[in-house]
Amino acid sequence: MGHRLSKIYTRTGDSGTTGLGDGSRVAKDDLRIAALGDVDELNAIIGVLRAQITASQMTNKADWDKSLSLVQHWLFDLGGEVCIPNYNLLEPVCIEFLEKEIDRMNEDLPMLKEFILPSGSLTCSYAHQARAVCRRAERSLLSVQTRDQNIQTMALQLLNRLSDWLFVASRALQRAEGGQEVLWQKNINEII
């Protein structure tokens, strides 16, 4: 494979526009660029989550790393689809994998009786943060689809399923690290 980036700065964006993968130029605040930025931010926080898991004492961190590596590659593919209108890279296997993983992780988790606060261990908290960023990316991508109608349905499904996966992963990670979930308490003001 040849060099993809021979020069990092091009000065072509100095006027407030940026190039899409098909060669067209759009404003840097275009909905498509905002969605691309949200997907990129999601991929970055997934990278932080991977680093935190790698640094942890969990016994199954290689399994987590493999799953998160797949997710990062799929998010990069999604970025390609957003960057190049009407271009399809995602395949159904990504949705199937996430659904199977959700079901597998859920088997060992207790039923929820209350909402969970996005807290707990640092690893668990990064998973919650990734989930929140994932939901934002999903909303951004929906805005692009509503306006342009050239975003593949599977792209939205990936983000929707990934946010579910991240929620269940946050619960599983908390248990893997021996911690307890922090539950929302109704009428918390009565404790004060």
N, C-alpha and C. Protein backbone atom coordinates (compact mmCIF):
# COMPACT_ATOMS: atom_id res chain seq x y z
N MET A 1 0.84 -1.17 0.00
CA MET A 1 0.00 0.00 0.00
C MET A 1 0.88 1.24 0.00
N GLY A 2 0.57 2.18 -0.84
CA GLY A 2 1.34 3.41 -0.93
C GLY A 2 1.04 4.35 0.22
N HIS A 3 1.68 5.47 0.20
CA HIS A 3 1.47 6.48 1.23
C HIS A 3 0.13 7.17 1.00
N ARG A 4 -0.70 7.23 2.05
CA ARG A 4 -2.00 7.90 1.93
C ARG A 4 -1.89 9.40 2.19
N LEU A 5 -1.04 9.77 3.12
CA LEU A 5 -0.88 11.19 3.46
C LEU A 5 0.59 11.56 3.31
N SER A 6 0.89 12.29 2.26
CA SER A 6 2.27 12.72 2.08
C SER A 6 2.49 14.10 2.68
N LYS A 7 1.42 14.86 2.82
CA LYS A 7 1.52 16.20 3.39
C LYS A 7 0.31 16.41 4.29
N ILE A 8 0.53 16.76 5.53
CA ILE A 8 -0.57 16.92 6.47
C ILE A 8 -1.30 18.24 6.28
N TYR A 9 -0.59 19.32 6.11
CA TYR A 9 -1.27 20.59 5.90
C TYR A 9 -1.30 20.88 4.40
N THR A 10 -2.48 21.30 3.94
CA THR A 10 -2.65 21.60 2.51
C THR A 10 -3.05 23.04 2.27
N ARG A 11 -3.52 23.70 3.33
CA ARG A 11 -4.02 25.08 3.27
C ARG A 11 -5.32 25.21 2.51
N THR A 12 -5.87 24.10 2.00
CA THR A 12 -7.13 24.18 1.26
C THR A 12 -8.32 24.44 2.18
N GLY A 13 -8.17 24.18 3.47
CA GLY A 13 -9.26 24.40 4.41
C GLY A 13 -9.20 25.74 5.10
N ASP A 14 -8.25 26.57 4.75
CA ASP A 14 -8.09 27.86 5.43
C ASP A 14 -9.29 28.78 5.23
N SER A 15 -10.07 28.56 4.20
CA SER A 15 -11.23 29.43 3.93
C SER A 15 -12.51 28.91 4.57
N GLY A 16 -12.40 27.83 5.36
CA GLY A 16 -13.59 27.33 6.05
C GLY A 16 -14.30 26.21 5.33
N THR A 17 -13.66 25.63 4.33
CA THR A 17 -14.24 24.48 3.65
C THR A 17 -13.32 23.28 3.82
N THR A 18 -13.89 22.12 3.55
CA THR A 18 -13.09 20.89 3.61
C THR A 18 -13.54 19.98 2.48
N GLY A 19 -12.67 19.07 2.09
CA GLY A 19 -12.97 18.17 0.98
C GLY A 19 -13.59 16.87 1.46
N LEU A 20 -14.58 16.40 0.73
CA LEU A 20 -15.15 15.08 0.97
C LEU A 20 -14.37 14.07 0.13
N GLY A 21 -14.60 12.81 0.39
CA GLY A 21 -13.89 11.74 -0.31
C GLY A 21 -14.19 11.67 -1.79
N ASP A 22 -15.30 12.27 -2.22
CA ASP A 22 -15.64 12.26 -3.65
C ASP A 22 -15.08 13.47 -4.38
N GLY A 23 -14.30 14.31 -3.67
CA GLY A 23 -13.68 15.47 -4.29
C GLY A 23 -14.46 16.77 -4.12
N SER A 24 -15.71 16.68 -3.71
CA SER A 24 -16.50 17.90 -3.51
C SER A 24 -16.05 18.61 -2.24
N ARG A 25 -16.35 19.89 -2.15
CA ARG A 25 -15.98 20.70 -0.98
C ARG A 25 -17.26 21.18 -0.31
N VAL A 26 -17.22 21.17 1.02
CA VAL A 26 -18.36 21.63 1.81
C VAL A 26 -17.82 22.50 2.95
N ALA A 27 -18.71 23.26 3.55
CA ALA A 27 -18.33 24.08 4.70
C ALA A 27 -17.95 23.17 5.86
N LYS A 28 -17.01 23.63 6.68
CA LYS A 28 -16.56 22.82 7.81
C LYS A 28 -17.65 22.63 8.86
N ASP A 29 -18.71 23.43 8.80
CA ASP A 29 -19.82 23.24 9.73
C ASP A 29 -21.01 22.53 9.07
N ASP A 30 -20.79 21.93 7.92
CA ASP A 30 -21.81 21.14 7.23
C ASP A 30 -22.24 19.98 8.12
N LEU A 31 -23.51 19.58 8.03
CA LEU A 31 -24.02 18.47 8.85
C LEU A 31 -23.19 17.20 8.66
N ARG A 32 -22.76 16.95 7.45
CA ARG A 32 -21.97 15.75 7.17
C ARG A 32 -20.62 15.80 7.90
N ILE A 33 -20.01 16.96 7.94
CA ILE A 33 -18.73 17.10 8.63
C ILE A 33 -18.93 17.00 10.14
N ALA A 34 -20.04 17.55 10.64
CA ALA A 34 -20.34 17.42 12.08
C ALA A 34 -20.52 15.95 12.45
N ALA A 35 -21.23 15.21 11.61
CA ALA A 35 -21.44 13.78 11.88
C ALA A 35 -20.11 13.04 11.81
N LEU A 36 -19.29 13.38 10.84
CA LEU A 36 -17.97 12.75 10.71
C LEU A 36 -17.12 13.03 11.94
N GLY A 37 -17.20 14.25 12.45
CA GLY A 37 -16.46 14.60 13.67
C GLY A 37 -16.95 13.82 14.88
N ASP A 38 -18.28 13.62 14.98
CA ASP A 38 -18.83 12.86 16.10
C ASP A 38 -18.40 11.40 16.03
N VAL A 39 -18.37 10.84 14.84
CA VAL A 39 -17.92 9.45 14.67
C VAL A 39 -16.43 9.36 15.02
N ASP A 40 -15.66 10.35 14.61
CA ASP A 40 -14.23 10.38 14.93
C ASP A 40 -14.03 10.48 16.45
N GLU A 41 -14.80 11.35 17.11
CA GLU A 41 -14.69 11.48 18.57
C GLU A 41 -15.06 10.17 19.25
N LEU A 42 -16.08 9.50 18.75
CA LEU A 42 -16.47 8.20 19.30
C LEU A 42 -15.33 7.20 19.17
N ASN A 43 -14.70 7.17 18.00
CA ASN A 43 -13.59 6.25 17.79
C ASN A 43 -12.44 6.58 18.75
N ALA A 44 -12.22 7.86 19.00
CA ALA A 44 -11.15 8.26 19.92
C ALA A 44 -11.45 7.81 21.35
N ILE A 45 -12.69 7.97 21.80
CA ILE A 45 -13.00 7.56 23.18
C ILE A 45 -12.99 6.04 23.30
N ILE A 46 -13.32 5.33 22.22
CA ILE A 46 -13.18 3.87 22.22
C ILE A 46 -11.70 3.52 22.39
N GLY A 47 -10.82 4.28 21.76
CA GLY A 47 -9.38 4.07 21.93
C GLY A 47 -8.95 4.29 23.37
N VAL A 48 -9.51 5.30 24.03
CA VAL A 48 -9.20 5.54 25.44
C VAL A 48 -9.69 4.38 26.29
N LEU A 49 -10.89 3.89 25.99
CA LEU A 49 -11.44 2.73 26.71
C LEU A 49 -10.53 1.51 26.52
N ARG A 50 -10.07 1.28 25.30
CA ARG A 50 -9.15 0.16 25.04
C ARG A 50 -7.88 0.30 25.87
N ALA A 51 -7.32 1.50 25.92
CA ALA A 51 -6.09 1.73 26.68
C ALA A 51 -6.33 1.48 28.16
N GLN A 52 -7.48 1.90 28.67
CA GLN A 52 -7.79 1.69 30.08
C GLN A 52 -7.93 0.19 30.38
N ILE A 53 -8.57 -0.54 29.49
CA ILE A 53 -8.72 -1.99 29.69
C ILE A 53 -7.35 -2.66 29.65
N THR A 54 -6.51 -2.26 28.69
CA THR A 54 -5.18 -2.84 28.58
C THR A 54 -4.38 -2.63 29.86
N ALA A 55 -4.57 -1.47 30.49
CA ALA A 55 -3.83 -1.15 31.72
C ALA A 55 -4.45 -1.79 32.96
N SER A 56 -5.63 -2.39 32.82
CA SER A 56 -6.33 -2.94 33.98
C SER A 56 -5.77 -4.31 34.36
N GLN A 57 -6.28 -4.83 35.45
CA GLN A 57 -5.89 -6.16 35.93
C GLN A 57 -6.90 -7.24 35.54
N MET A 58 -7.83 -6.94 34.65
CA MET A 58 -8.85 -7.91 34.26
C MET A 58 -8.22 -9.11 33.57
N THR A 59 -8.81 -10.26 33.78
CA THR A 59 -8.27 -11.48 33.18
C THR A 59 -8.65 -11.63 31.71
N ASN A 60 -9.75 -11.07 31.28
CA ASN A 60 -10.22 -11.26 29.90
C ASN A 60 -10.01 -10.02 29.03
N LYS A 61 -8.96 -9.26 29.32
CA LYS A 61 -8.77 -8.01 28.58
C LYS A 61 -8.44 -8.24 27.10
N ALA A 62 -7.90 -9.38 26.74
CA ALA A 62 -7.63 -9.66 25.32
C ALA A 62 -8.94 -9.77 24.54
N ASP A 63 -9.96 -10.36 25.15
CA ASP A 63 -11.28 -10.46 24.49
C ASP A 63 -11.89 -9.08 24.29
N TRP A 64 -11.79 -8.23 25.32
CA TRP A 64 -12.30 -6.87 25.22
C TRP A 64 -11.54 -6.11 24.13
N ASP A 65 -10.24 -6.26 24.10
CA ASP A 65 -9.43 -5.55 23.11
C ASP A 65 -9.81 -5.96 21.69
N LYS A 66 -10.05 -7.25 21.49
CA LYS A 66 -10.46 -7.73 20.16
C LYS A 66 -11.79 -7.11 19.75
N SER A 67 -12.75 -7.11 20.67
CA SER A 67 -14.06 -6.54 20.36
C SER A 67 -13.96 -5.05 20.05
N LEU A 68 -13.21 -4.33 20.87
CA LEU A 68 -13.08 -2.89 20.67
C LEU A 68 -12.28 -2.57 19.41
N SER A 69 -11.34 -3.42 19.04
CA SER A 69 -10.62 -3.23 17.79
C SER A 69 -11.57 -3.35 16.60
N LEU A 70 -12.44 -4.35 16.64
CA LEU A 70 -13.44 -4.49 15.58
C LEU A 70 -14.31 -3.24 15.50
N VAL A 71 -14.77 -2.78 16.65
CA VAL A 71 -15.62 -1.58 16.70
C VAL A 71 -14.88 -0.39 16.07
N GLN A 72 -13.62 -0.21 16.42
CA GLN A 72 -12.88 0.92 15.86
C GLN A 72 -12.75 0.82 14.34
N HIS A 73 -12.53 -0.38 13.84
CA HIS A 73 -12.45 -0.56 12.38
C HIS A 73 -13.80 -0.25 11.73
N TRP A 74 -14.89 -0.72 12.35
CA TRP A 74 -16.21 -0.43 11.79
C TRP A 74 -16.52 1.06 11.83
N LEU A 75 -16.10 1.74 12.87
CA LEU A 75 -16.32 3.18 12.94
C LEU A 75 -15.50 3.90 11.87
N PHE A 76 -14.32 3.39 11.58
CA PHE A 76 -13.52 3.98 10.50
C PHE A 76 -14.23 3.76 9.16
N ASP A 77 -14.79 2.57 8.96
CA ASP A 77 -15.57 2.30 7.75
C ASP A 77 -16.77 3.24 7.67
N LEU A 78 -17.44 3.44 8.82
CA LEU A 78 -18.58 4.35 8.86
C LEU A 78 -18.13 5.76 8.47
N GLY A 79 -16.98 6.18 8.98
CA GLY A 79 -16.44 7.48 8.59
C GLY A 79 -16.24 7.58 7.09
N GLY A 80 -15.79 6.49 6.48
CA GLY A 80 -15.63 6.46 5.02
C GLY A 80 -16.96 6.63 4.31
N GLU A 81 -18.00 5.99 4.85
CA GLU A 81 -19.33 6.14 4.24
C GLU A 81 -19.85 7.57 4.37
N VAL A 82 -19.57 8.20 5.49
CA VAL A 82 -20.03 9.57 5.70
C VAL A 82 -19.23 10.53 4.81
N CYS A 83 -17.94 10.29 4.66
CA CYS A 83 -17.05 11.14 3.88
C CYS A 83 -17.29 11.03 2.37
N ILE A 84 -17.75 9.87 1.94
CA ILE A 84 -17.97 9.65 0.50
C ILE A 84 -19.46 9.33 0.32
N PRO A 85 -20.27 10.33 -0.05
CA PRO A 85 -21.71 10.10 -0.20
C PRO A 85 -22.01 8.91 -1.12
N ASN A 86 -22.99 8.11 -0.69
CA ASN A 86 -23.46 6.92 -1.42
C ASN A 86 -22.44 5.80 -1.51
N TYR A 87 -21.45 5.80 -0.64
CA TYR A 87 -20.42 4.76 -0.60
C TYR A 87 -20.73 3.82 0.54
N ASN A 88 -20.69 2.51 0.29
CA ASN A 88 -21.03 1.53 1.32
C ASN A 88 -19.83 0.65 1.66
N LEU A 89 -19.48 0.65 2.94
CA LEU A 89 -18.39 -0.19 3.44
C LEU A 89 -18.86 -1.18 4.50
N LEU A 90 -19.88 -0.80 5.26
CA LEU A 90 -20.34 -1.63 6.37
C LEU A 90 -21.07 -2.87 5.86
N GLU A 91 -20.94 -3.95 6.60
CA GLU A 91 -21.61 -5.20 6.25
C GLU A 91 -22.42 -5.68 7.44
N PRO A 92 -23.44 -6.51 7.22
CA PRO A 92 -24.32 -6.97 8.31
C PRO A 92 -23.59 -7.67 9.46
N VAL A 93 -22.39 -8.18 9.22
CA VAL A 93 -21.67 -8.90 10.26
C VAL A 93 -21.42 -8.02 11.49
N CYS A 94 -21.25 -6.71 11.30
CA CYS A 94 -21.00 -5.84 12.45
C CYS A 94 -22.21 -5.78 13.37
N ILE A 95 -23.40 -5.71 12.83
CA ILE A 95 -24.63 -5.69 13.63
C ILE A 95 -24.81 -7.05 14.32
N GLU A 96 -24.61 -8.12 13.56
CA GLU A 96 -24.77 -9.47 14.12
C GLU A 96 -23.80 -9.70 15.27
N PHE A 97 -22.56 -9.26 15.11
CA PHE A 97 -21.56 -9.43 16.17
C PHE A 97 -21.98 -8.70 17.44
N LEU A 98 -22.38 -7.44 17.30
CA LEU A 98 -22.77 -6.66 18.47
C LEU A 98 -23.97 -7.27 19.18
N GLU A 99 -24.94 -7.74 18.42
CA GLU A 99 -26.12 -8.36 19.03
C GLU A 99 -25.76 -9.63 19.79
N LYS A 100 -24.90 -10.45 19.20
CA LYS A 100 -24.47 -11.67 19.89
C LYS A 100 -23.70 -11.35 21.16
N GLU A 101 -22.85 -10.33 21.09
CA GLU A 101 -22.07 -9.92 22.26
C GLU A 101 -22.98 -9.36 23.36
N ILE A 102 -23.98 -8.58 22.97
CA ILE A 102 -24.94 -8.05 23.96
C ILE A 102 -25.63 -9.20 24.67
N ASP A 103 -26.12 -10.16 23.91
CA ASP A 103 -26.80 -11.32 24.50
C ASP A 103 -25.87 -12.11 25.41
N ARG A 104 -24.63 -12.29 24.98
CA ARG A 104 -23.66 -13.05 25.79
C ARG A 104 -23.35 -12.34 27.10
N MET A 105 -23.10 -11.03 27.02
CA MET A 105 -22.79 -10.28 28.24
C MET A 105 -23.98 -10.22 29.19
N ASN A 106 -25.17 -10.09 28.62
CA ASN A 106 -26.38 -9.97 29.44
C ASN A 106 -26.68 -11.23 30.24
N GLU A 107 -26.22 -12.38 29.76
CA GLU A 107 -26.49 -13.64 30.46
C GLU A 107 -25.96 -13.62 31.89
N ASP A 108 -24.85 -12.94 32.12
CA ASP A 108 -24.22 -12.93 33.44
C ASP A 108 -24.56 -11.70 34.28
N LEU A 109 -25.43 -10.84 33.77
CA LEU A 109 -25.75 -9.61 34.49
C LEU A 109 -27.11 -9.72 35.17
N PRO A 110 -27.24 -9.13 36.36
CA PRO A 110 -28.55 -9.15 37.03
C PRO A 110 -29.54 -8.26 36.28
N MET A 111 -30.81 -8.58 36.44
CA MET A 111 -31.86 -7.75 35.83
C MET A 111 -31.82 -6.37 36.44
N LEU A 112 -32.10 -5.37 35.64
CA LEU A 112 -32.10 -4.00 36.13
C LEU A 112 -33.44 -3.67 36.78
N LYS A 113 -33.39 -3.09 37.97
CA LYS A 113 -34.59 -2.65 38.65
C LYS A 113 -34.63 -1.13 38.75
N GLU A 114 -33.48 -0.51 38.57
CA GLU A 114 -33.35 0.96 38.60
C GLU A 114 -32.43 1.39 37.46
N PHE A 115 -32.45 2.69 37.19
CA PHE A 115 -31.52 3.24 36.22
C PHE A 115 -30.11 3.21 36.81
N ILE A 116 -29.11 3.17 35.94
CA ILE A 116 -27.72 3.17 36.36
C ILE A 116 -27.14 4.55 36.09
N LEU A 117 -26.45 5.10 37.09
CA LEU A 117 -25.75 6.36 36.88
C LEU A 117 -24.46 6.08 36.11
N PRO A 118 -24.08 6.98 35.20
CA PRO A 118 -22.84 6.76 34.45
C PRO A 118 -21.62 7.03 35.33
N SER A 119 -21.29 6.06 36.15
CA SER A 119 -20.16 6.17 37.06
C SER A 119 -19.69 4.78 37.42
N GLY A 120 -18.83 4.70 38.41
CA GLY A 120 -18.25 3.42 38.81
C GLY A 120 -16.75 3.49 38.59
N SER A 121 -16.18 2.39 38.15
CA SER A 121 -14.74 2.38 37.88
C SER A 121 -14.43 3.28 36.69
N LEU A 122 -13.16 3.61 36.54
CA LEU A 122 -12.74 4.45 35.42
C LEU A 122 -13.07 3.77 34.09
N THR A 123 -12.83 2.48 34.01
CA THR A 123 -13.13 1.74 32.78
C THR A 123 -14.62 1.79 32.47
N CYS A 124 -15.43 1.52 33.47
CA CYS A 124 -16.89 1.58 33.32
C CYS A 124 -17.33 2.98 32.89
N SER A 125 -16.75 3.99 33.50
CA SER A 125 -17.12 5.37 33.18
C SER A 125 -16.74 5.75 31.75
N TYR A 126 -15.59 5.26 31.26
CA TYR A 126 -15.24 5.51 29.86
C TYR A 126 -16.25 4.84 28.92
N ALA A 127 -16.73 3.66 29.27
CA ALA A 127 -17.75 3.00 28.45
C ALA A 127 -19.03 3.83 28.42
N HIS A 128 -19.41 4.39 29.57
CA HIS A 128 -20.60 5.27 29.61
C HIS A 128 -20.38 6.52 28.77
N GLN A 129 -19.19 7.09 28.84
CA GLN A 129 -18.90 8.28 28.04
C GLN A 129 -18.96 7.93 26.55
N ALA A 130 -18.41 6.80 26.17
CA ALA A 130 -18.47 6.36 24.77
C ALA A 130 -19.91 6.17 24.33
N ARG A 131 -20.75 5.63 25.21
CA ARG A 131 -22.17 5.45 24.89
C ARG A 131 -22.84 6.79 24.61
N ALA A 132 -22.56 7.79 25.44
CA ALA A 132 -23.15 9.11 25.25
C ALA A 132 -22.68 9.74 23.93
N VAL A 133 -21.40 9.61 23.62
CA VAL A 133 -20.87 10.15 22.36
C VAL A 133 -21.48 9.39 21.19
N CYS A 134 -21.67 8.10 21.35
CA CYS A 134 -22.28 7.27 20.30
C CYS A 134 -23.70 7.75 19.99
N ARG A 135 -24.46 8.06 21.03
CA ARG A 135 -25.83 8.56 20.82
C ARG A 135 -25.80 9.90 20.07
N ARG A 136 -24.83 10.77 20.39
CA ARG A 136 -24.71 12.04 19.68
C ARG A 136 -24.37 11.80 18.22
N ALA A 137 -23.44 10.88 17.97
CA ALA A 137 -23.07 10.55 16.59
C ALA A 137 -24.28 10.02 15.82
N GLU A 138 -25.09 9.22 16.50
CA GLU A 138 -26.29 8.69 15.86
C GLU A 138 -27.25 9.83 15.49
N ARG A 139 -27.44 10.79 16.39
CA ARG A 139 -28.32 11.93 16.09
C ARG A 139 -27.77 12.75 14.92
N SER A 140 -26.45 12.96 14.91
CA SER A 140 -25.83 13.72 13.82
C SER A 140 -26.01 13.01 12.48
N LEU A 141 -25.82 11.71 12.50
CA LEU A 141 -25.94 10.94 11.26
C LEU A 141 -27.39 10.93 10.77
N LEU A 142 -28.33 10.89 11.70
CA LEU A 142 -29.75 10.94 11.33
C LEU A 142 -30.07 12.27 10.65
N SER A 143 -29.47 13.36 11.13
CA SER A 143 -29.67 14.66 10.49
C SER A 143 -29.18 14.65 9.06
N VAL A 144 -28.04 14.02 8.82
CA VAL A 144 -27.51 13.92 7.45
C VAL A 144 -28.46 13.08 6.60
N GLN A 145 -28.92 11.96 7.14
CA GLN A 145 -29.82 11.09 6.37
C GLN A 145 -31.13 11.81 6.05
N THR A 146 -31.65 12.55 7.01
CA THR A 146 -32.91 13.27 6.81
C THR A 146 -32.77 14.31 5.71
N ARG A 147 -31.62 15.00 5.69
CA ARG A 147 -31.39 16.03 4.68
C ARG A 147 -30.99 15.46 3.33
N ASP A 148 -30.00 14.58 3.33
CA ASP A 148 -29.44 14.09 2.07
C ASP A 148 -30.03 12.77 1.61
N GLN A 149 -30.49 11.98 2.52
CA GLN A 149 -31.05 10.65 2.24
C GLN A 149 -30.07 9.76 1.48
N ASN A 150 -28.79 9.91 1.75
CA ASN A 150 -27.82 9.01 1.12
C ASN A 150 -26.90 8.39 2.16
N ILE A 151 -27.44 8.17 3.34
CA ILE A 151 -26.75 7.44 4.40
C ILE A 151 -27.41 6.07 4.49
N GLN A 152 -26.62 5.05 4.39
CA GLN A 152 -27.10 3.68 4.45
C GLN A 152 -27.78 3.40 5.81
N THR A 153 -28.89 2.70 5.79
CA THR A 153 -29.60 2.35 7.02
C THR A 153 -28.69 1.60 7.99
N MET A 154 -27.80 0.77 7.47
CA MET A 154 -26.91 0.00 8.33
C MET A 154 -26.00 0.91 9.16
N ALA A 155 -25.68 2.08 8.66
CA ALA A 155 -24.84 3.02 9.41
C ALA A 155 -25.55 3.44 10.69
N LEU A 156 -26.83 3.77 10.58
CA LEU A 156 -27.61 4.15 11.75
C LEU A 156 -27.81 2.95 12.68
N GLN A 157 -28.01 1.78 12.10
CA GLN A 157 -28.16 0.57 12.92
C GLN A 157 -26.89 0.29 13.70
N LEU A 158 -25.74 0.49 13.07
CA LEU A 158 -24.48 0.25 13.76
C LEU A 158 -24.37 1.13 15.00
N LEU A 159 -24.65 2.42 14.86
CA LEU A 159 -24.53 3.32 16.01
C LEU A 159 -25.58 3.01 17.08
N ASN A 160 -26.77 2.66 16.66
CA ASN A 160 -27.81 2.31 17.62
C ASN A 160 -27.42 1.06 18.40
N ARG A 161 -26.97 0.05 17.71
CA ARG A 161 -26.57 -1.20 18.37
C ARG A 161 -25.31 -1.01 19.19
N LEU A 162 -24.39 -0.19 18.71
CA LEU A 162 -23.17 0.06 19.44
C LEU A 162 -23.45 0.76 20.76
N SER A 163 -24.39 1.69 20.78
CA SER A 163 -24.71 2.36 22.05
C SER A 163 -25.31 1.36 23.03
N ASP A 164 -26.12 0.42 22.54
CA ASP A 164 -26.64 -0.65 23.41
C ASP A 164 -25.49 -1.51 23.92
N TRP A 165 -24.58 -1.86 23.02
CA TRP A 165 -23.43 -2.68 23.40
C TRP A 165 -22.59 -1.99 24.45
N LEU A 166 -22.37 -0.68 24.28
CA LEU A 166 -21.57 0.07 25.25
C LEU A 166 -22.24 0.14 26.62
N PHE A 167 -23.57 0.23 26.64
CA PHE A 167 -24.28 0.23 27.92
C PHE A 167 -24.08 -1.11 28.64
N VAL A 168 -24.31 -2.19 27.92
CA VAL A 168 -24.14 -3.52 28.52
C VAL A 168 -22.67 -3.75 28.86
N ALA A 169 -21.76 -3.28 28.01
CA ALA A 169 -20.33 -3.41 28.28
C ALA A 169 -19.95 -2.67 29.56
N SER A 170 -20.54 -1.50 29.79
CA SER A 170 -20.22 -0.76 31.01
C SER A 170 -20.61 -1.57 32.24
N ARG A 171 -21.72 -2.26 32.16
CA ARG A 171 -22.16 -3.10 33.28
C ARG A 171 -21.22 -4.29 33.44
N ALA A 172 -20.87 -4.93 32.33
CA ALA A 172 -20.00 -6.10 32.39
C ALA A 172 -18.59 -5.71 32.87
N LEU A 173 -18.10 -4.57 32.42
CA LEU A 173 -16.78 -4.12 32.85
C LEU A 173 -16.76 -3.82 34.34
N GLN A 174 -17.83 -3.24 34.84
CA GLN A 174 -17.91 -2.94 36.27
C GLN A 174 -17.82 -4.23 37.08
N ARG A 175 -18.51 -5.25 36.63
CA ARG A 175 -18.47 -6.55 37.33
C ARG A 175 -17.10 -7.22 37.17
N ALA A 176 -16.51 -7.11 35.98
CA ALA A 176 -15.20 -7.73 35.74
C ALA A 176 -14.14 -7.14 36.65
N GLU A 177 -14.32 -5.89 37.02
CA GLU A 177 -13.36 -5.23 37.90
C GLU A 177 -13.76 -5.36 39.37
N GLY A 178 -14.81 -6.13 39.63
CA GLY A 178 -15.22 -6.38 41.02
C GLY A 178 -15.99 -5.25 41.67
N GLY A 179 -16.48 -4.32 40.89
CA GLY A 179 -17.22 -3.18 41.44
C GLY A 179 -18.72 -3.38 41.39
N GLN A 180 -19.41 -2.44 41.96
CA GLN A 180 -20.86 -2.43 41.97
C GLN A 180 -21.37 -1.27 41.11
N GLU A 181 -22.48 -1.50 40.43
CA GLU A 181 -23.10 -0.43 39.67
C GLU A 181 -23.67 0.61 40.63
N VAL A 182 -23.62 1.86 40.19
CA VAL A 182 -24.18 2.95 40.98
C VAL A 182 -25.59 3.21 40.46
N LEU A 183 -26.58 2.90 41.28
CA LEU A 183 -27.97 3.00 40.86
C LEU A 183 -28.56 4.36 41.19
N TRP A 184 -29.44 4.82 40.33
CA TRP A 184 -30.19 6.04 40.57
C TRP A 184 -31.12 5.81 41.74
N GLN A 185 -31.19 6.79 42.60
CA GLN A 185 -32.06 6.68 43.77
C GLN A 185 -33.20 7.67 43.64
N LYS A 186 -34.39 7.16 43.63
CA LYS A 186 -35.58 8.01 43.58
C LYS A 186 -35.66 8.80 44.89
N ASN A 187 -36.11 10.01 44.81
CA ASN A 187 -36.29 10.89 45.98
C ASN A 187 -34.97 11.10 46.73
N ILE A 188 -33.88 11.31 46.01
CA ILE A 188 -32.58 11.49 46.64
C ILE A 188 -32.57 12.71 47.57
N ASN A 189 -33.40 13.70 47.29
CA ASN A 189 -33.42 14.90 48.12
C ASN A 189 -33.88 14.62 49.55
N GLU A 190 -34.58 13.53 49.75
CA GLU A 190 -35.05 13.18 51.10
C GLU A 190 -33.88 12.73 51.99
N ILE A 191 -32.76 12.35 51.38
CA ILE A 191 -31.60 11.89 52.14
C ILE A 191 -30.84 13.07 52.74
N ILE A 192 -30.95 14.23 52.10
CA ILE A 192 -30.18 15.41 52.54
C ILE A 192 -30.62 15.85 53.93
